[in-house]
């Protein structure tokens, strides 16, 4: 049984000069990530790959990056984490949420955000006034192991 669970996304930016359009860009990115990877959308890249409609050797860079991360976690956990369980469809959601939040935080920083908190279903990326970066969540994008759970 597969259950789709929506997540709440909140953003707080404490920089007075931060452009609202950049926040709009962040939310557009998160919608794009959902559309690209969701196992609940039949037209997503993940579903199309799972059905054999995409050539695994010619995937887009985002899907390649996410699948590489998933494979690293599968190896690191001795198979306890696997996005391809027997009898089930490809489901990278456990990695995609943290990965997309980290990429979203990179977009915010590139747009000039210096102090912010992005929370997407308990995947939190924050930058404090003294420029410390704080993250919480399940899987660290990039596999750095620097996560507070």
N, C-alpha and C. Protein backbone atom coordinates (compact mmCIF):
# COMPACT_ATOMS: atom_id res chain seq x y z
N UNK A 1 0.84 -1.18 0.00
CA UNK A 1 0.00 0.00 0.00
C UNK A 1 0.89 1.24 0.00
N UNK A 2 0.56 2.18 -0.82
CA UNK A 2 1.31 3.43 -0.89
C UNK A 2 0.39 4.57 -0.49
N UNK A 3 0.87 5.40 0.41
CA UNK A 3 0.09 6.53 0.90
C UNK A 3 0.84 7.81 0.60
N UNK A 4 0.20 8.71 -0.05
CA UNK A 4 0.80 10.01 -0.33
C UNK A 4 0.53 10.94 0.85
N UNK A 5 1.62 11.48 1.41
CA UNK A 5 1.50 12.36 2.56
C UNK A 5 2.01 13.74 2.17
N UNK A 6 1.15 14.75 2.19
CA UNK A 6 1.62 16.09 1.86
C UNK A 6 2.52 16.64 2.97
N UNK A 7 3.43 17.51 2.60
CA UNK A 7 4.28 18.14 3.61
C UNK A 7 4.05 19.65 3.57
N UNK A 8 4.19 20.24 4.73
CA UNK A 8 4.09 21.70 4.83
C UNK A 8 5.48 22.28 4.65
N UNK A 9 5.56 23.35 3.87
CA UNK A 9 6.83 24.03 3.65
C UNK A 9 6.70 25.45 4.19
N UNK A 10 7.67 25.84 5.03
CA UNK A 10 7.68 27.21 5.53
C UNK A 10 9.06 27.81 5.31
N UNK A 11 9.05 29.11 5.09
CA UNK A 11 10.29 29.83 4.85
C UNK A 11 10.24 31.13 5.63
N UNK A 12 11.32 31.41 6.34
CA UNK A 12 11.48 32.69 7.02
C UNK A 12 12.84 33.24 6.61
N UNK A 13 12.82 34.43 6.05
CA UNK A 13 14.06 35.12 5.67
C UNK A 13 14.12 36.41 6.47
N UNK A 14 15.20 36.60 7.20
CA UNK A 14 15.34 37.78 8.06
C UNK A 14 16.16 38.89 7.42
N UNK A 15 16.41 38.80 6.15
CA UNK A 15 17.14 39.83 5.43
C UNK A 15 16.14 40.80 4.81
N UNK A 16 16.16 42.05 5.24
CA UNK A 16 15.17 43.02 4.78
C UNK A 16 15.20 43.25 3.28
N UNK A 17 16.35 43.13 2.67
CA UNK A 17 16.49 43.43 1.25
C UNK A 17 16.30 42.19 0.36
N UNK A 18 15.86 41.08 0.92
CA UNK A 18 15.73 39.84 0.15
C UNK A 18 14.54 39.95 -0.80
N UNK A 19 14.74 39.67 -2.10
CA UNK A 19 13.66 39.83 -3.08
C UNK A 19 12.61 38.72 -2.97
N UNK A 20 11.36 39.10 -2.98
CA UNK A 20 10.26 38.14 -2.90
C UNK A 20 10.29 37.16 -4.07
N UNK A 21 10.77 37.62 -5.22
CA UNK A 21 10.84 36.75 -6.39
C UNK A 21 11.75 35.54 -6.14
N UNK A 22 12.76 35.72 -5.30
CA UNK A 22 13.66 34.61 -4.98
C UNK A 22 12.92 33.55 -4.16
N UNK A 23 12.05 33.98 -3.27
CA UNK A 23 11.24 33.02 -2.51
C UNK A 23 10.30 32.28 -3.45
N UNK A 24 9.72 33.01 -4.39
CA UNK A 24 8.86 32.37 -5.40
C UNK A 24 9.65 31.32 -6.18
N UNK A 25 10.91 31.64 -6.48
CA UNK A 25 11.78 30.70 -7.20
C UNK A 25 12.04 29.44 -6.39
N UNK A 26 12.20 29.60 -5.08
CA UNK A 26 12.39 28.45 -4.21
C UNK A 26 11.17 27.53 -4.28
N UNK A 27 9.97 28.10 -4.13
CA UNK A 27 8.77 27.28 -4.14
C UNK A 27 8.55 26.64 -5.51
N UNK A 28 8.92 27.33 -6.58
CA UNK A 28 8.84 26.74 -7.92
C UNK A 28 9.79 25.54 -8.01
N UNK A 29 11.00 25.69 -7.44
CA UNK A 29 11.96 24.58 -7.44
C UNK A 29 11.41 23.37 -6.70
N UNK A 30 10.80 23.58 -5.53
CA UNK A 30 10.27 22.46 -4.76
C UNK A 30 9.12 21.78 -5.51
N UNK A 31 8.28 22.56 -6.19
CA UNK A 31 7.21 21.97 -7.01
C UNK A 31 7.81 21.16 -8.16
N UNK A 32 8.88 21.70 -8.76
CA UNK A 32 9.55 20.99 -9.85
C UNK A 32 10.14 19.67 -9.37
N UNK A 33 10.78 19.69 -8.20
CA UNK A 33 11.36 18.45 -7.65
C UNK A 33 10.26 17.43 -7.40
N UNK A 34 9.12 17.86 -6.86
CA UNK A 34 8.01 16.94 -6.63
C UNK A 34 7.53 16.35 -7.95
N UNK A 35 7.36 17.18 -8.96
CA UNK A 35 6.88 16.71 -10.25
C UNK A 35 7.89 15.76 -10.91
N UNK A 36 9.15 16.02 -10.71
CA UNK A 36 10.21 15.23 -11.36
C UNK A 36 10.37 13.85 -10.71
N UNK A 37 10.27 13.78 -9.38
CA UNK A 37 10.62 12.54 -8.68
C UNK A 37 9.46 11.77 -8.08
N UNK A 38 8.31 12.36 -7.96
CA UNK A 38 7.21 11.74 -7.23
C UNK A 38 6.83 10.37 -7.80
N UNK A 39 6.77 9.35 -6.93
CA UNK A 39 6.29 8.05 -7.39
C UNK A 39 4.76 8.03 -7.53
N UNK A 40 4.11 9.13 -7.21
CA UNK A 40 2.66 9.23 -7.29
C UNK A 40 2.20 9.95 -8.56
N UNK A 41 3.13 10.43 -9.35
CA UNK A 41 2.80 11.11 -10.61
C UNK A 41 3.30 10.23 -11.76
N UNK A 42 2.39 9.70 -12.51
CA UNK A 42 2.74 8.77 -13.58
C UNK A 42 3.67 9.38 -14.63
N UNK A 43 3.66 10.71 -14.77
CA UNK A 43 4.50 11.36 -15.78
C UNK A 43 5.86 11.81 -15.22
N UNK A 44 6.15 11.50 -13.95
CA UNK A 44 7.43 11.91 -13.36
C UNK A 44 8.57 11.11 -13.99
N UNK A 45 9.78 11.69 -13.94
CA UNK A 45 10.94 10.98 -14.47
C UNK A 45 11.16 9.66 -13.74
N UNK A 46 10.94 9.69 -12.42
CA UNK A 46 11.12 8.46 -11.65
C UNK A 46 10.19 7.36 -12.11
N UNK A 47 8.91 7.67 -12.31
CA UNK A 47 7.95 6.66 -12.78
C UNK A 47 8.27 6.22 -14.20
N UNK A 48 8.65 7.17 -15.05
CA UNK A 48 8.99 6.81 -16.43
C UNK A 48 10.23 5.91 -16.48
N UNK A 49 11.22 6.18 -15.63
CA UNK A 49 12.40 5.32 -15.56
C UNK A 49 11.99 3.93 -15.07
N UNK A 50 11.18 3.90 -14.03
CA UNK A 50 10.74 2.64 -13.44
C UNK A 50 10.01 1.76 -14.46
N UNK A 51 9.25 2.40 -15.36
CA UNK A 51 8.51 1.65 -16.39
C UNK A 51 9.38 1.30 -17.59
N UNK A 52 10.64 1.73 -17.60
CA UNK A 52 11.52 1.43 -18.72
C UNK A 52 11.39 2.39 -19.89
N UNK A 53 10.74 3.53 -19.68
CA UNK A 53 10.54 4.50 -20.75
C UNK A 53 11.73 5.43 -20.94
N UNK A 54 12.66 5.46 -19.97
CA UNK A 54 13.86 6.28 -20.07
C UNK A 54 15.08 5.37 -20.09
N UNK A 55 16.06 5.76 -20.87
CA UNK A 55 17.33 5.03 -20.94
C UNK A 55 18.16 5.35 -19.71
N UNK A 56 18.45 4.38 -18.86
CA UNK A 56 19.23 4.65 -17.64
C UNK A 56 20.59 5.29 -17.91
N UNK A 57 21.12 5.13 -19.09
CA UNK A 57 22.41 5.73 -19.43
C UNK A 57 22.32 7.17 -19.88
N UNK A 58 21.10 7.69 -20.04
CA UNK A 58 20.90 9.06 -20.54
C UNK A 58 19.88 9.82 -19.70
N UNK A 59 20.06 9.80 -18.39
CA UNK A 59 19.14 10.50 -17.50
C UNK A 59 19.60 11.93 -17.29
N UNK A 60 18.69 12.79 -16.88
CA UNK A 60 19.04 14.16 -16.56
C UNK A 60 19.94 14.22 -15.34
N UNK A 61 20.64 15.34 -15.15
CA UNK A 61 21.61 15.43 -14.04
C UNK A 61 20.97 15.33 -12.66
N UNK A 62 19.76 15.86 -12.49
CA UNK A 62 19.13 15.79 -11.16
C UNK A 62 18.75 14.35 -10.80
N UNK A 63 18.14 13.65 -11.74
CA UNK A 63 17.77 12.26 -11.47
C UNK A 63 19.01 11.41 -11.25
N UNK A 64 20.05 11.65 -12.03
CA UNK A 64 21.30 10.91 -11.86
C UNK A 64 21.88 11.16 -10.47
N UNK A 65 21.89 12.42 -10.03
CA UNK A 65 22.43 12.76 -8.71
C UNK A 65 21.64 12.07 -7.60
N UNK A 66 20.32 12.12 -7.68
CA UNK A 66 19.48 11.50 -6.65
C UNK A 66 19.68 9.98 -6.63
N UNK A 67 19.70 9.36 -7.78
CA UNK A 67 19.89 7.91 -7.81
C UNK A 67 21.27 7.51 -7.31
N UNK A 68 22.27 8.32 -7.59
CA UNK A 68 23.62 8.07 -7.05
C UNK A 68 23.61 8.15 -5.53
N UNK A 69 22.93 9.17 -4.98
CA UNK A 69 22.82 9.28 -3.52
C UNK A 69 22.10 8.07 -2.94
N UNK A 70 21.02 7.67 -3.58
CA UNK A 70 20.27 6.50 -3.11
C UNK A 70 21.16 5.26 -3.10
N UNK A 71 21.96 5.10 -4.14
CA UNK A 71 22.85 3.94 -4.21
C UNK A 71 23.91 4.00 -3.11
N UNK A 72 24.43 5.19 -2.84
CA UNK A 72 25.41 5.34 -1.76
C UNK A 72 24.81 4.95 -0.41
N UNK A 73 23.56 5.35 -0.17
CA UNK A 73 22.91 4.99 1.09
C UNK A 73 22.62 3.49 1.16
N UNK A 74 22.25 2.90 0.03
CA UNK A 74 22.01 1.44 0.01
C UNK A 74 23.29 0.71 0.38
N UNK A 75 24.41 1.12 -0.20
CA UNK A 75 25.69 0.48 0.09
C UNK A 75 26.10 0.73 1.54
N UNK A 76 25.98 1.98 1.99
CA UNK A 76 26.40 2.34 3.35
C UNK A 76 25.60 1.62 4.43
N UNK A 77 24.33 1.29 4.11
CA UNK A 77 23.49 0.62 5.10
C UNK A 77 23.43 -0.90 4.90
N UNK A 78 24.25 -1.40 4.00
CA UNK A 78 24.22 -2.84 3.74
C UNK A 78 22.90 -3.31 3.18
N UNK A 79 22.20 -2.42 2.48
CA UNK A 79 20.91 -2.76 1.87
C UNK A 79 19.70 -2.47 2.73
N UNK A 80 19.90 -1.98 3.94
CA UNK A 80 18.75 -1.66 4.81
C UNK A 80 17.93 -0.53 4.20
N UNK A 81 18.61 0.39 3.52
CA UNK A 81 17.91 1.45 2.78
C UNK A 81 18.00 1.09 1.31
N UNK A 82 16.86 1.01 0.65
CA UNK A 82 16.85 0.70 -0.77
C UNK A 82 15.60 1.29 -1.40
N UNK A 83 15.77 2.01 -2.49
CA UNK A 83 14.63 2.64 -3.17
C UNK A 83 13.94 1.69 -4.13
N UNK A 84 14.51 0.50 -4.28
CA UNK A 84 13.93 -0.51 -5.18
C UNK A 84 13.69 -1.80 -4.38
N UNK A 85 12.63 -1.80 -3.62
CA UNK A 85 12.29 -2.99 -2.84
C UNK A 85 11.60 -4.01 -3.73
N UNK A 86 11.80 -5.30 -3.48
CA UNK A 86 11.17 -6.33 -4.30
C UNK A 86 9.65 -6.16 -4.35
N UNK A 87 9.13 -6.20 -5.55
CA UNK A 87 7.68 -6.10 -5.73
C UNK A 87 7.12 -4.69 -5.62
N UNK A 88 7.99 -3.69 -5.47
CA UNK A 88 7.52 -2.31 -5.34
C UNK A 88 8.18 -1.44 -6.38
N UNK A 89 7.60 -0.30 -6.61
CA UNK A 89 8.12 0.64 -7.59
C UNK A 89 9.27 1.47 -7.01
N UNK A 90 10.03 2.06 -7.90
CA UNK A 90 11.10 2.98 -7.51
C UNK A 90 10.51 4.09 -6.66
N UNK A 91 11.09 4.32 -5.48
CA UNK A 91 10.57 5.35 -4.58
C UNK A 91 11.73 6.04 -3.86
N UNK A 92 12.28 7.14 -4.47
CA UNK A 92 13.41 7.84 -3.86
C UNK A 92 13.00 8.94 -2.88
N UNK A 93 11.75 8.97 -2.45
CA UNK A 93 11.24 10.07 -1.62
C UNK A 93 12.07 10.34 -0.37
N UNK A 94 12.58 9.29 0.27
CA UNK A 94 13.34 9.48 1.50
C UNK A 94 14.59 10.32 1.29
N UNK A 95 15.14 10.29 0.09
CA UNK A 95 16.32 11.08 -0.23
C UNK A 95 15.92 12.41 -0.88
N UNK A 96 14.93 12.38 -1.73
CA UNK A 96 14.55 13.57 -2.50
C UNK A 96 14.18 14.75 -1.61
N UNK A 97 13.47 14.51 -0.52
CA UNK A 97 13.04 15.63 0.32
C UNK A 97 14.23 16.40 0.86
N UNK A 98 15.18 15.72 1.48
CA UNK A 98 16.36 16.40 2.01
C UNK A 98 17.21 17.02 0.92
N UNK A 99 17.37 16.31 -0.19
CA UNK A 99 18.16 16.80 -1.31
C UNK A 99 17.54 18.07 -1.89
N UNK A 100 16.23 18.07 -2.08
CA UNK A 100 15.57 19.24 -2.68
C UNK A 100 15.60 20.44 -1.73
N UNK A 101 15.52 20.20 -0.42
CA UNK A 101 15.62 21.30 0.55
C UNK A 101 17.03 21.89 0.51
N UNK A 102 18.04 21.03 0.45
CA UNK A 102 19.41 21.55 0.38
C UNK A 102 19.62 22.35 -0.91
N UNK A 103 19.13 21.86 -2.02
CA UNK A 103 19.24 22.60 -3.29
C UNK A 103 18.46 23.91 -3.20
N UNK A 104 17.31 23.89 -2.56
CA UNK A 104 16.52 25.11 -2.37
C UNK A 104 17.27 26.13 -1.53
N UNK A 105 17.95 25.65 -0.49
CA UNK A 105 18.75 26.55 0.35
C UNK A 105 19.89 27.16 -0.46
N UNK A 106 20.46 26.39 -1.35
CA UNK A 106 21.51 26.93 -2.22
C UNK A 106 20.95 28.04 -3.12
N UNK A 107 19.73 27.86 -3.60
CA UNK A 107 19.09 28.91 -4.42
C UNK A 107 18.90 30.18 -3.60
N UNK A 108 18.44 30.02 -2.35
CA UNK A 108 18.24 31.19 -1.48
C UNK A 108 19.55 31.93 -1.24
N UNK A 109 20.59 31.17 -0.94
CA UNK A 109 21.89 31.80 -0.68
C UNK A 109 22.41 32.51 -1.93
N UNK A 110 22.23 31.90 -3.08
CA UNK A 110 22.68 32.52 -4.33
C UNK A 110 21.91 33.81 -4.62
N UNK A 111 20.66 33.90 -4.11
CA UNK A 111 19.84 35.10 -4.30
C UNK A 111 20.12 36.16 -3.24
N UNK A 112 21.05 35.85 -2.32
CA UNK A 112 21.45 36.85 -1.33
C UNK A 112 20.93 36.64 0.08
N UNK A 113 20.21 35.54 0.33
CA UNK A 113 19.73 35.29 1.70
C UNK A 113 20.93 34.98 2.59
N UNK A 114 20.99 35.69 3.71
CA UNK A 114 22.08 35.49 4.66
C UNK A 114 21.59 34.88 5.97
N UNK A 115 20.31 35.13 6.31
CA UNK A 115 19.71 34.59 7.54
C UNK A 115 18.33 34.06 7.18
N UNK A 116 18.19 32.75 7.25
CA UNK A 116 16.89 32.18 6.89
C UNK A 116 16.71 30.81 7.51
N UNK A 117 15.45 30.36 7.49
CA UNK A 117 15.11 29.01 7.93
C UNK A 117 14.10 28.45 6.93
N UNK A 118 14.44 27.35 6.32
CA UNK A 118 13.58 26.64 5.38
C UNK A 118 13.23 25.31 6.02
N UNK A 119 11.93 25.05 6.18
CA UNK A 119 11.45 23.82 6.80
C UNK A 119 10.47 23.17 5.85
N UNK A 120 10.80 21.95 5.43
CA UNK A 120 9.91 21.19 4.56
C UNK A 120 9.70 19.82 5.20
N UNK A 121 8.64 19.70 5.95
CA UNK A 121 8.32 18.43 6.58
C UNK A 121 9.42 17.90 7.48
N UNK A 122 9.96 18.75 8.31
CA UNK A 122 11.02 18.44 9.28
C UNK A 122 12.41 18.29 8.66
N UNK A 123 12.55 18.54 7.39
CA UNK A 123 13.87 18.71 6.78
C UNK A 123 14.13 20.20 6.89
N UNK A 124 15.05 20.59 7.76
CA UNK A 124 15.28 22.00 8.06
C UNK A 124 16.69 22.38 7.64
N UNK A 125 16.77 23.51 6.97
CA UNK A 125 18.06 24.11 6.62
C UNK A 125 17.98 25.55 7.07
N UNK A 126 18.90 25.96 7.95
CA UNK A 126 18.87 27.31 8.49
C UNK A 126 20.26 27.91 8.48
N UNK A 127 20.31 29.21 8.29
CA UNK A 127 21.55 29.96 8.41
C UNK A 127 21.30 31.04 9.45
N UNK A 128 22.14 31.07 10.48
CA UNK A 128 21.94 31.99 11.60
C UNK A 128 22.61 33.34 11.34
N UNK A 129 22.34 34.29 12.21
CA UNK A 129 22.93 35.63 12.08
C UNK A 129 24.45 35.59 12.06
N UNK A 130 25.03 34.62 12.76
CA UNK A 130 26.50 34.52 12.75
C UNK A 130 26.99 33.55 11.67
N UNK A 131 26.12 33.27 10.70
CA UNK A 131 26.42 32.48 9.50
C UNK A 131 26.66 30.99 9.75
N UNK A 132 26.21 30.50 10.89
CA UNK A 132 26.28 29.05 11.11
C UNK A 132 25.18 28.38 10.30
N UNK A 133 25.50 27.25 9.72
CA UNK A 133 24.53 26.47 8.96
C UNK A 133 24.07 25.32 9.83
N UNK A 134 22.75 25.19 9.95
CA UNK A 134 22.14 24.14 10.76
C UNK A 134 21.23 23.31 9.87
N UNK A 135 21.33 21.99 10.00
CA UNK A 135 20.46 21.09 9.24
C UNK A 135 19.91 20.03 10.16
N UNK A 136 18.70 19.64 9.91
CA UNK A 136 18.12 18.47 10.57
C UNK A 136 17.43 17.66 9.50
N UNK A 137 17.30 16.39 9.73
CA UNK A 137 16.59 15.56 8.76
C UNK A 137 17.08 14.14 8.79
N UNK A 138 16.62 13.38 7.81
CA UNK A 138 16.94 11.98 7.77
C UNK A 138 18.17 11.61 6.98
N UNK A 139 18.34 12.17 5.81
CA UNK A 139 19.46 11.81 4.95
C UNK A 139 20.18 13.06 4.52
N UNK A 140 21.46 13.18 4.81
CA UNK A 140 22.21 14.36 4.39
C UNK A 140 22.51 14.29 2.89
N UNK A 141 22.13 15.30 2.15
CA UNK A 141 22.47 15.34 0.73
C UNK A 141 23.98 15.36 0.63
N UNK A 142 24.50 14.54 -0.25
CA UNK A 142 25.93 14.46 -0.41
C UNK A 142 26.57 13.42 0.50
N UNK A 143 25.80 12.89 1.44
CA UNK A 143 26.31 11.84 2.30
C UNK A 143 27.36 12.29 3.28
N UNK A 144 27.36 13.55 3.67
CA UNK A 144 28.40 14.07 4.55
C UNK A 144 28.30 13.53 5.96
N UNK A 145 27.12 13.06 6.35
CA UNK A 145 26.95 12.57 7.70
C UNK A 145 26.74 13.68 8.72
N UNK A 146 26.65 14.91 8.29
CA UNK A 146 26.49 16.03 9.21
C UNK A 146 25.02 16.38 9.36
N UNK A 147 24.33 15.55 10.12
CA UNK A 147 22.90 15.74 10.30
C UNK A 147 22.55 15.57 11.77
N UNK A 148 21.67 16.42 12.24
CA UNK A 148 21.13 16.27 13.59
C UNK A 148 19.72 15.73 13.44
N UNK A 149 19.45 14.59 14.03
CA UNK A 149 18.12 13.99 13.87
C UNK A 149 17.36 14.03 15.18
